[in-house]
Amino acid sequence: KPISKCPACGSENREPVEL
């Protein structure tokens, strides 16, 4: 699944990204 660089952002990615 595509991971966005935005924390808790994106419709397909609901998981928060740690920077």
Protein backbone atom coordinates (compact mmCIF):
# COMPACT_ATOMS: atom_id res chain seq x y z
CA LYS A 1 0.00 0.00 0.00
CA PRO A 2 1.21 3.53 -0.83
CA ILE A 3 2.48 5.37 2.24
CA SER A 4 1.93 9.12 2.43
CA LYS A 5 4.50 11.42 4.06
CA CYS A 6 1.66 13.21 5.83
CA PRO A 7 0.82 12.14 9.42
CA ALA A 8 -2.72 10.70 9.58
CA CYS A 9 -3.36 12.01 6.07
CA GLY A 10 -4.69 10.36 2.92
CA SER A 11 -7.78 8.29 2.13
CA GLU A 12 -5.96 5.03 1.35
CA ASN A 13 -3.45 5.44 4.17
CA ARG A 14 -5.03 5.95 7.58
CA GLU A 15 -1.87 5.07 9.49
CA PRO A 16 0.18 7.99 10.89
CA VAL A 17 3.68 8.27 9.46
CA GLU A 18 6.62 8.75 11.82
CA LEU A 19 9.22 11.21 10.53
